[in-house]
Amino acid sequence: MAVFMLQLADAVDAVIEADAAGRTAAGDIVLERTDRRGRAERLGTYQAETVTAVFRQCRADGGLYSWIPQPNDGTWWCY
């Protein structure tokens, strides 16, 4: 399980716990979790124009947790 922060166009940050986040070819941000049988379940989809940035919380150099920015273009998945 990972923690993601989405900065939204309406100046609100959404902090969401999910197994994965991804950016589709259309630019939409999707959040998924895995059920007990290993199948991906979509938690939510944010349209491209509503999200200004995506970050994943993880341990950085030195052992401190910080928000690591994800790419603003192209398709990707982050676990």
Protein backbone atom coordinates (compact mmCIF):
# COMPACT_ATOMS: atom_id res chain seq x y z
CA MET A 1 0.00 0.00 0.00
CA ALA A 2 1.29 3.48 -0.87
CA VAL A 3 0.20 7.03 -0.13
CA PHE A 4 -0.38 9.40 -3.04
CA MET A 5 -1.11 13.13 -3.02
CA LEU A 6 -2.96 14.69 -5.92
CA GLN A 7 -2.83 18.46 -6.25
CA LEU A 8 -6.13 19.42 -7.78
CA ALA A 9 -6.92 22.41 -9.99
CA ASP A 10 -9.35 23.79 -7.39
CA ALA A 11 -6.39 24.33 -4.97
CA VAL A 12 -7.22 21.29 -2.83
CA ASP A 13 -4.85 18.38 -2.12
CA ALA A 14 -6.26 14.85 -2.04
CA VAL A 15 -4.23 12.32 -0.02
CA ILE A 16 -5.19 8.78 -0.98
CA GLU A 17 -3.95 5.35 0.09
CA ALA A 18 -3.83 2.92 -2.85
CA ASP A 19 -1.76 0.06 -4.21
CA ALA A 20 -1.03 1.88 -7.47
CA ALA A 21 -1.54 5.15 -9.29
CA GLY A 22 -1.21 5.62 -13.01
CA ARG A 23 -1.50 8.15 -15.79
CA THR A 24 -3.40 7.04 -18.88
CA ALA A 25 -2.69 8.02 -22.49
CA ALA A 26 -5.51 10.59 -22.16
CA GLY A 27 -3.78 12.09 -19.10
CA ASP A 28 -6.33 10.87 -16.56
CA ILE A 29 -5.03 9.76 -13.16
CA VAL A 30 -6.32 6.39 -11.94
CA LEU A 31 -5.94 4.87 -8.48
CA GLU A 32 -6.23 1.15 -7.87
CA ARG A 33 -6.03 -1.40 -5.10
CA THR A 34 -5.72 -5.16 -5.27
CA ASP A 35 -8.40 -7.38 -3.79
CA ARG A 36 -7.73 -10.59 -1.88
CA ARG A 37 -7.69 -12.57 -5.12
CA GLY A 38 -5.05 -10.35 -6.71
CA ARG A 39 -7.43 -8.54 -9.05
CA ALA A 40 -7.07 -4.79 -9.51
CA GLU A 41 -10.05 -2.69 -8.41
CA ARG A 42 -10.31 0.94 -9.47
CA LEU A 43 -10.68 3.28 -6.50
CA GLY A 44 -11.17 6.37 -8.61
CA THR A 45 -10.37 8.27 -11.76
CA TYR A 46 -9.46 11.96 -11.93
CA GLN A 47 -9.78 13.71 -15.28
CA ALA A 48 -6.59 15.24 -16.64
CA GLU A 49 -7.76 18.84 -16.35
CA THR A 50 -8.59 18.44 -12.64
CA VAL A 51 -5.10 17.29 -11.54
CA THR A 52 -2.10 19.61 -11.59
CA ALA A 53 0.46 17.26 -9.97
CA VAL A 54 0.80 13.76 -8.48
CA PHE A 55 3.21 12.76 -5.70
CA ARG A 56 4.02 9.46 -3.98
CA GLN A 57 5.18 9.44 -0.39
CA CYS A 58 8.30 7.36 0.09
CA ARG A 59 11.57 7.23 1.93
CA ALA A 60 14.17 9.53 0.39
CA ASP A 61 17.93 9.64 0.87
CA GLY A 62 18.74 9.95 4.56
CA GLY A 63 15.72 7.89 5.63
CA LEU A 64 13.18 10.73 5.83
CA TYR A 65 9.84 10.41 4.10
CA SER A 66 9.03 12.97 1.45
CA TRP A 67 6.69 13.53 -1.49
CA ILE A 68 8.29 12.36 -4.75
CA PRO A 69 6.75 13.98 -7.86
CA GLN A 70 5.46 11.75 -10.64
CA PRO A 71 5.76 12.69 -14.35
CA ASN A 72 3.31 15.28 -15.70
CA ASP A 73 3.22 13.68 -19.14
CA GLY A 74 3.30 10.27 -20.77
CA THR A 75 1.78 7.10 -19.41
CA TRP A 76 3.10 5.59 -16.19
CA TRP A 77 2.27 3.40 -13.22
CA CYS A 78 3.62 3.92 -9.71
CA TYR A 79 3.39 1.25 -6.99
